[in-house]
């Protein structure tokens, strides 16, 4: 089942989970082939180049996408991976937990950053089914009141202690020594 996928340029913190509607052997071959081509061309093994092929968007930042066999999540399961591995809130996963747990074969997980902060409209290929979109939540920021008079007014500046006579005398003596040093240097320079 295909559909349309719209990503806004300012989107952040959204994780999309897609079921891959292909036989496991075909996806494994696709992963092996794309990894082999990249290794032959660049000498490097890419993270998940097959993800860009499956999604039909070659500019996909494959560092921000994962394509893997669900059976690799032994003991944890896909819902556990989304919560514990990716840090998604469990309350968002619970409504889809049965559906996520029932998935077999391969899954494609794509983070918002994978789209490079661009406005994108994609036609999803029949090989992918969007299972869910989940938003990361950041902890609430709690602002403490600023120190003030206690009446809700703006903070008042602390008054400085007046400078003592001894401190003022020390500052004057230091300034006089600096002037004397400069004058001495000037006289030596003119005499030379």
C-alpha atoms as a PDB file:
ATOM      1  CA  UNK A   1       0.000   0.000   0.000  1.00  0.00           C
ATOM      2  CA  UNK A   2       1.565   3.246  -1.080  1.00  0.00           C
ATOM      3  CA  UNK A   3       0.767   6.760   0.097  1.00  0.00           C
ATOM      4  CA  UNK A   4       2.138  10.245   0.273  1.00  0.00           C
ATOM      5  CA  UNK A   5       4.732  11.359   2.782  1.00  0.00           C
ATOM      6  CA  UNK A   6       5.146  15.084   3.477  1.00  0.00           C
ATOM      7  CA  UNK A   7       8.088  16.412   5.494  1.00  0.00           C
ATOM      8  CA  UNK A   8       8.333  20.081   6.459  1.00  0.00           C
ATOM      9  CA  UNK A   9      11.732  21.784   6.346  1.00  0.00           C
ATOM     10  CA  UNK A  10      11.510  22.794  10.014  1.00  0.00           C
ATOM     11  CA  UNK A  11      10.492  19.327  11.207  1.00  0.00           C
ATOM     12  CA  UNK A  12      12.602  17.974  14.045  1.00  0.00           C
ATOM     13  CA  UNK A  13      12.434  15.074  16.442  1.00  0.00           C
ATOM     14  CA  UNK A  14      10.117  12.811  14.412  1.00  0.00           C
ATOM     15  CA  UNK A  15      10.917   9.120  13.992  1.00  0.00           C
ATOM     16  CA  UNK A  16       9.057   7.217  11.265  1.00  0.00           C
ATOM     17  CA  UNK A  17       8.791   3.438  11.264  1.00  0.00           C
ATOM     18  CA  UNK A  18       8.113   1.631   7.985  1.00  0.00           C
ATOM     19  CA  UNK A  19       7.413  -2.045   7.418  1.00  0.00           C
ATOM     20  CA  UNK A  20       9.327  -3.362   4.409  1.00  0.00           C
ATOM     21  CA  UNK A  21       6.961  -5.365   2.189  1.00  0.00           C
ATOM     22  CA  UNK A  22       9.583  -7.486   0.474  1.00  0.00           C
ATOM     23  CA  UNK A  23      10.812 -11.029   1.112  1.00  0.00           C
ATOM     24  CA  UNK A  24      13.639 -11.117   3.625  1.00  0.00           C
ATOM     25  CA  UNK A  25      16.011 -12.705   1.101  1.00  0.00           C
ATOM     26  CA  UNK A  26      15.408  -9.872  -1.377  1.00  0.00           C
ATOM     27  CA  UNK A  27      16.131  -7.165   1.234  1.00  0.00           C
ATOM     28  CA  UNK A  28      19.238  -9.017   2.415  1.00  0.00           C
ATOM     29  CA  UNK A  29      20.441  -9.189  -1.192  1.00  0.00           C
ATOM     30  CA  UNK A  30      19.713  -5.471  -1.661  1.00  0.00           C
ATOM     31  CA  UNK A  31      21.732  -4.634   1.466  1.00  0.00           C
ATOM     32  CA  UNK A  32      24.608  -6.844   0.346  1.00  0.00           C
ATOM     33  CA  UNK A  33      24.600  -5.475  -3.222  1.00  0.00           C
ATOM     34  CA  UNK A  34      24.511  -1.786  -2.260  1.00  0.00           C
ATOM     35  CA  UNK A  35      27.196  -2.324   0.380  1.00  0.00           C
ATOM     36  CA  UNK A  36      29.370  -4.177  -2.151  1.00  0.00           C
ATOM     37  CA  UNK A  37      28.993  -1.432  -4.772  1.00  0.00           C
ATOM     38  CA  UNK A  38      29.892   1.281  -2.287  1.00  0.00           C
ATOM     39  CA  UNK A  39      32.902  -0.676  -1.056  1.00  0.00           C
ATOM     40  CA  UNK A  40      34.149  -1.200  -4.614  1.00  0.00           C
ATOM     41  CA  UNK A  41      33.682   2.478  -5.516  1.00  0.00           C
ATOM     42  CA  UNK A  42      34.794   4.275  -2.365  1.00  0.00           C
ATOM     43  CA  UNK A  43      36.467   1.701  -0.187  1.00  0.00           C
ATOM     44  CA  UNK A  44      33.965   2.478   2.577  1.00  0.00           C
ATOM     45  CA  UNK A  45      30.976   0.544   3.811  1.00  0.00           C
ATOM     46  CA  UNK A  46      27.931   2.859   3.986  1.00  0.00           C
ATOM     47  CA  UNK A  47      25.490   2.773   6.897  1.00  0.00           C
ATOM     48  CA  UNK A  48      22.283   1.901   5.007  1.00  0.00           C
ATOM     49  CA  UNK A  49      22.322   2.919   1.325  1.00  0.00           C
ATOM     50  CA  UNK A  50      19.433   0.547   0.610  1.00  0.00           C
ATOM     51  CA  UNK A  51      17.223   2.823   2.746  1.00  0.00           C
ATOM     52  CA  UNK A  52      17.508   5.603   0.159  1.00  0.00           C
ATOM     53  CA  UNK A  53      16.665   3.162  -2.609  1.00  0.00           C
ATOM     54  CA  UNK A  54      13.629   1.779  -0.776  1.00  0.00           C
ATOM     55  CA  UNK A  55      12.310   5.224   0.112  1.00  0.00           C
ATOM     56  CA  UNK A  56      12.907   6.448  -3.422  1.00  0.00           C
ATOM     57  CA  UNK A  57      14.828   9.531  -2.323  1.00  0.00           C
ATOM     58  CA  UNK A  58      18.545   9.427  -3.219  1.00  0.00           C
ATOM     59  CA  UNK A  59      19.411  12.475  -1.069  1.00  0.00           C
ATOM     60  CA  UNK A  60      18.406  10.651   2.116  1.00  0.00           C
ATOM     61  CA  UNK A  61      21.052  11.029   4.839  1.00  0.00           C
ATOM     62  CA  UNK A  62      21.548   7.342   5.468  1.00  0.00           C
ATOM     63  CA  UNK A  63      23.382   8.090   8.711  1.00  0.00           C
ATOM     64  CA  UNK A  64      19.933   9.039  10.062  1.00  0.00           C
ATOM     65  CA  UNK A  65      18.152   5.901   8.813  1.00  0.00           C
ATOM     66  CA  UNK A  66      18.259   2.247   9.803  1.00  0.00           C
ATOM     67  CA  UNK A  67      17.221  -0.768   7.767  1.00  0.00           C
ATOM     68  CA  UNK A  68      17.467  -4.031   9.674  1.00  0.00           C
ATOM     69  CA  UNK A  69      15.861  -7.421  10.278  1.00  0.00           C
ATOM     70  CA  UNK A  70      13.427  -7.402  13.184  1.00  0.00           C
ATOM     71  CA  UNK A  71      14.737 -10.816  14.260  1.00  0.00           C
ATOM     72  CA  UNK A  72      17.997  -9.036  15.195  1.00  0.00           C
ATOM     73  CA  UNK A  73      16.127  -7.458  18.130  1.00  0.00           C
ATOM     74  CA  UNK A  74      15.909 -10.742  20.050  1.00  0.00           C
ATOM     75  CA  UNK A  75      14.670 -10.202  23.590  1.00  0.00           C
ATOM     76  CA  UNK A  76      14.087  -6.487  23.110  1.00  0.00           C
ATOM     77  CA  UNK A  77      11.576  -6.422  20.279  1.00  0.00           C
ATOM     78  CA  UNK A  78      10.766  -3.450  18.078  1.00  0.00           C
ATOM     79  CA  UNK A  79       8.676  -1.565  20.693  1.00  0.00           C
ATOM     80  CA  UNK A  80      11.495  -1.984  23.222  1.00  0.00           C
ATOM     81  CA  UNK A  81      14.071  -0.791  20.707  1.00  0.00           C
ATOM     82  CA  UNK A  82      12.043   2.340  19.951  1.00  0.00           C
ATOM     83  CA  UNK A  83      11.694   3.171  23.654  1.00  0.00           C
ATOM     84  CA  UNK A  84      15.035   2.023  25.048  1.00  0.00           C
ATOM     85  CA  UNK A  85      17.238   2.349  21.974  1.00  0.00           C
ATOM     86  CA  UNK A  86      15.887   5.527  20.398  1.00  0.00           C
ATOM     87  CA  UNK A  87      14.498   7.156  23.541  1.00  0.00           C
ATOM     88  CA  UNK A  88      10.934   7.573  22.265  1.00  0.00           C
ATOM     89  CA  UNK A  89       8.229   8.044  24.910  1.00  0.00           C
ATOM     90  CA  UNK A  90       6.552   4.739  25.778  1.00  0.00           C
ATOM     91  CA  UNK A  91       3.125   6.399  25.899  1.00  0.00           C
ATOM     92  CA  UNK A  92       3.431   7.085  22.154  1.00  0.00           C
ATOM     93  CA  UNK A  93       4.442   3.500  21.367  1.00  0.00           C
ATOM     94  CA  UNK A  94       1.719   1.772  23.450  1.00  0.00           C
ATOM     95  CA  UNK A  95      -1.143   2.375  20.956  1.00  0.00           C
ATOM     96  CA  UNK A  96       0.914   0.693  18.172  1.00  0.00           C
ATOM     97  CA  UNK A  97       2.648  -1.897  20.376  1.00  0.00           C
ATOM     98  CA  UNK A  98       0.675  -4.919  19.091  1.00  0.00           C
ATOM     99  CA  UNK A  99       1.147  -3.863  15.475  1.00  0.00           C
ATOM    100  CA  UNK A 100       4.881  -3.219  15.982  1.00  0.00           C
ATOM    101  CA  UNK A 101       5.333  -6.541  17.789  1.00  0.00           C
ATOM    102  CA  UNK A 102       3.573  -8.431  14.981  1.00  0.00           C
ATOM    103  CA  UNK A 103       5.912  -7.140  12.264  1.00  0.00           C
ATOM    104  CA  UNK A 104       8.218  -9.645  10.610  1.00  0.00           C
ATOM    105  CA  UNK A 105      11.029  -9.332   8.122  1.00  0.00           C
ATOM    106  CA  UNK A 106      12.732  -5.957   7.782  1.00  0.00           C
ATOM    107  CA  UNK A 107      11.905  -2.534   9.141  1.00  0.00           C
ATOM    108  CA  UNK A 108      13.082   0.913   8.040  1.00  0.00           C
ATOM    109  CA  UNK A 109      13.416   3.629  10.679  1.00  0.00           C
ATOM    110  CA  UNK A 110      13.973   7.183   9.445  1.00  0.00           C
ATOM    111  CA  UNK A 111      14.683  10.225  11.636  1.00  0.00           C
ATOM    112  CA  UNK A 112      13.699  13.777  10.645  1.00  0.00           C
ATOM    113  CA  UNK A 113      17.349  14.753  10.188  1.00  0.00           C
ATOM    114  CA  UNK A 114      17.601  12.264   7.319  1.00  0.00           C
ATOM    115  CA  UNK A 115      15.724  14.676   5.059  1.00  0.00           C
ATOM    116  CA  UNK A 116      18.257  17.514   5.385  1.00  0.00           C
ATOM    117  CA  UNK A 117      15.782  20.187   6.577  1.00  0.00           C
ATOM    118  CA  UNK A 118      14.026  20.360   3.211  1.00  0.00           C
ATOM    119  CA  UNK A 119      10.348  20.504   2.280  1.00  0.00           C
ATOM    120  CA  UNK A 120       9.706  17.118   0.728  1.00  0.00           C
ATOM    121  CA  UNK A 121       6.689  15.358  -0.774  1.00  0.00           C
ATOM    122  CA  UNK A 122       7.334  11.685  -1.478  1.00  0.00           C
ATOM    123  CA  UNK A 123       5.131   9.041  -2.986  1.00  0.00           C
ATOM    124  CA  UNK A 124       5.718   5.995  -0.803  1.00  0.00           C
ATOM    125  CA  UNK A 125       6.476   2.928  -2.880  1.00  0.00           C
ATOM    126  CA  UNK A 126       4.391  -0.215  -2.414  1.00  0.00           C
ATOM    127  CA  UNK A 127       7.442  -1.811  -0.760  1.00  0.00           C
ATOM    128  CA  UNK A 128       6.987   0.400   2.339  1.00  0.00           C
ATOM    129  CA  UNK A 129       4.102   0.786   4.770  1.00  0.00           C
ATOM    130  CA  UNK A 130       4.224   3.597   7.303  1.00  0.00           C
ATOM    131  CA  UNK A 131       3.489   1.989  10.661  1.00  0.00           C
ATOM    132  CA  UNK A 132       3.794   5.125  12.755  1.00  0.00           C
ATOM    133  CA  UNK A 133       5.377   8.523  13.294  1.00  0.00           C
ATOM    134  CA  UNK A 134       6.614   9.236  16.793  1.00  0.00           C
ATOM    135  CA  UNK A 135       7.797  12.546  18.204  1.00  0.00           C
ATOM    136  CA  UNK A 136      10.680  12.807  20.634  1.00  0.00           C
ATOM    137  CA  UNK A 137       9.789  14.740  23.728  1.00  0.00           C
ATOM    138  CA  UNK A 138      12.247  16.941  25.513  1.00  0.00           C
ATOM    139  CA  UNK A 139      12.049  17.475  29.252  1.00  0.00           C
ATOM    140  CA  UNK A 140      10.078  20.491  30.352  1.00  0.00           C
ATOM    141  CA  UNK A 141      12.169  23.499  31.258  1.00  0.00           C
ATOM    142  CA  UNK A 142      11.358  24.962  34.640  1.00  0.00           C
ATOM    143  CA  UNK A 143      12.253  28.590  35.130  1.00  0.00           C
ATOM    144  CA  UNK A 144      13.134  29.673  38.644  1.00  0.00           C
ATOM    145  CA  UNK A 145      12.192  33.198  39.674  1.00  0.00           C
ATOM    146  CA  UNK A 146      15.023  35.689  39.620  1.00  0.00           C
ATOM    147  CA  UNK A 147      16.320  36.867  42.972  1.00  0.00           C
ATOM    148  CA  UNK A 148      14.742  40.144  43.935  1.00  0.00           C
ATOM    149  CA  UNK A 149      13.114  41.947  46.789  1.00  0.00           C
ATOM    150  CA  UNK A 150      10.569  39.184  47.273  1.00  0.00           C
ATOM    151  CA  UNK A 151       7.702  41.377  46.128  1.00  0.00           C
ATOM    152  CA  UNK A 152       7.839  40.273  42.483  1.00  0.00           C
ATOM    153  CA  UNK A 153       9.817  43.340  41.461  1.00  0.00           C
ATOM    154  CA  UNK A 154      12.876  43.220  39.263  1.00  0.00           C
ATOM    155  CA  UNK A 155      16.136  42.398  40.974  1.00  0.00           C
ATOM    156  CA  UNK A 156      17.927  45.317  42.512  1.00  0.00           C
ATOM    157  CA  UNK A 157      21.626  45.890  42.020  1.00  0.00           C
ATOM    158  CA  UNK A 158      23.762  45.125  44.991  1.00  0.00           C
ATOM    159  CA  UNK A 159      25.416  48.197  46.386  1.00  0.00           C
ATOM    160  CA  UNK A 160      29.192  48.177  46.416  1.00  0.00           C
ATOM    161  CA  UNK A 161      31.102  48.702  49.580  1.00  0.00           C
ATOM    162  CA  UNK A 162      32.858  52.065  49.600  1.00  0.00           C
ATOM    163  CA  UNK A 163      36.583  51.831  48.866  1.00  0.00           C
ATOM    164  CA  UNK A 164      38.686  52.162  52.007  1.00  0.00           C
ATOM    165  CA  UNK A 165      41.375  54.839  52.391  1.00  0.00           C
ATOM    166  CA  UNK A 166      44.106  52.174  52.427  1.00  0.00           C
ATOM    167  CA  UNK A 167      42.881  50.670  49.123  1.00  0.00           C
ATOM    168  CA  UNK A 168      42.697  54.115  47.531  1.00  0.00           C
ATOM    169  CA  UNK A 169      46.227  54.948  48.737  1.00  0.00           C
ATOM    170  CA  UNK A 170      47.517  51.675  47.238  1.00  0.00           C
ATOM    171  CA  UNK A 171      45.906  52.450  43.882  1.00  0.00           C
ATOM    172  CA  UNK A 172      47.404  55.953  43.816  1.00  0.00           C
ATOM    173  CA  UNK A 173      50.851  54.622  44.741  1.00  0.00           C
ATOM    174  CA  UNK A 174      50.642  52.004  41.950  1.00  0.00           C
ATOM    175  CA  UNK A 175      49.642  54.647  39.393  1.00  0.00           C
ATOM    176  CA  UNK A 176      52.517  56.912  40.550  1.00  0.00           C
ATOM    177  CA  UNK A 177      55.040  54.051  40.152  1.00  0.00           C
ATOM    178  CA  UNK A 178      53.791  53.301  36.630  1.00  0.00           C
ATOM    179  CA  UNK A 179      54.135  56.988  35.643  1.00  0.00           C
ATOM    180  CA  UNK A 180      57.606  57.138  37.218  1.00  0.00           C
ATOM    181  CA  UNK A 181      58.640  53.977  35.303  1.00  0.00           C
ATOM    182  CA  UNK A 182      57.404  55.425  31.990  1.00  0.00           C
ATOM    183  CA  UNK A 183      59.222  58.750  32.613  1.00  0.00           C
ATOM    184  CA  UNK A 184      62.458  56.922  33.543  1.00  0.00           C
ATOM    185  CA  UNK A 185      62.244  54.863  30.348  1.00  0.00           C
ATOM    186  CA  UNK A 186      61.641  58.045  28.325  1.00  0.00           C
ATOM    187  CA  UNK A 187      64.678  59.820  29.841  1.00  0.00           C
ATOM    188  CA  UNK A 188      66.936  56.798  29.175  1.00  0.00           C
ATOM    189  CA  UNK A 189      65.679  56.577  25.590  1.00  0.00           C
ATOM    190  CA  UNK A 190      66.322  60.319  24.955  1.00  0.00           C
ATOM    191  CA  UNK A 191      69.796  60.165  26.515  1.00  0.00           C
ATOM    192  CA  UNK A 192      70.802  57.201  24.379  1.00  0.00           C
END
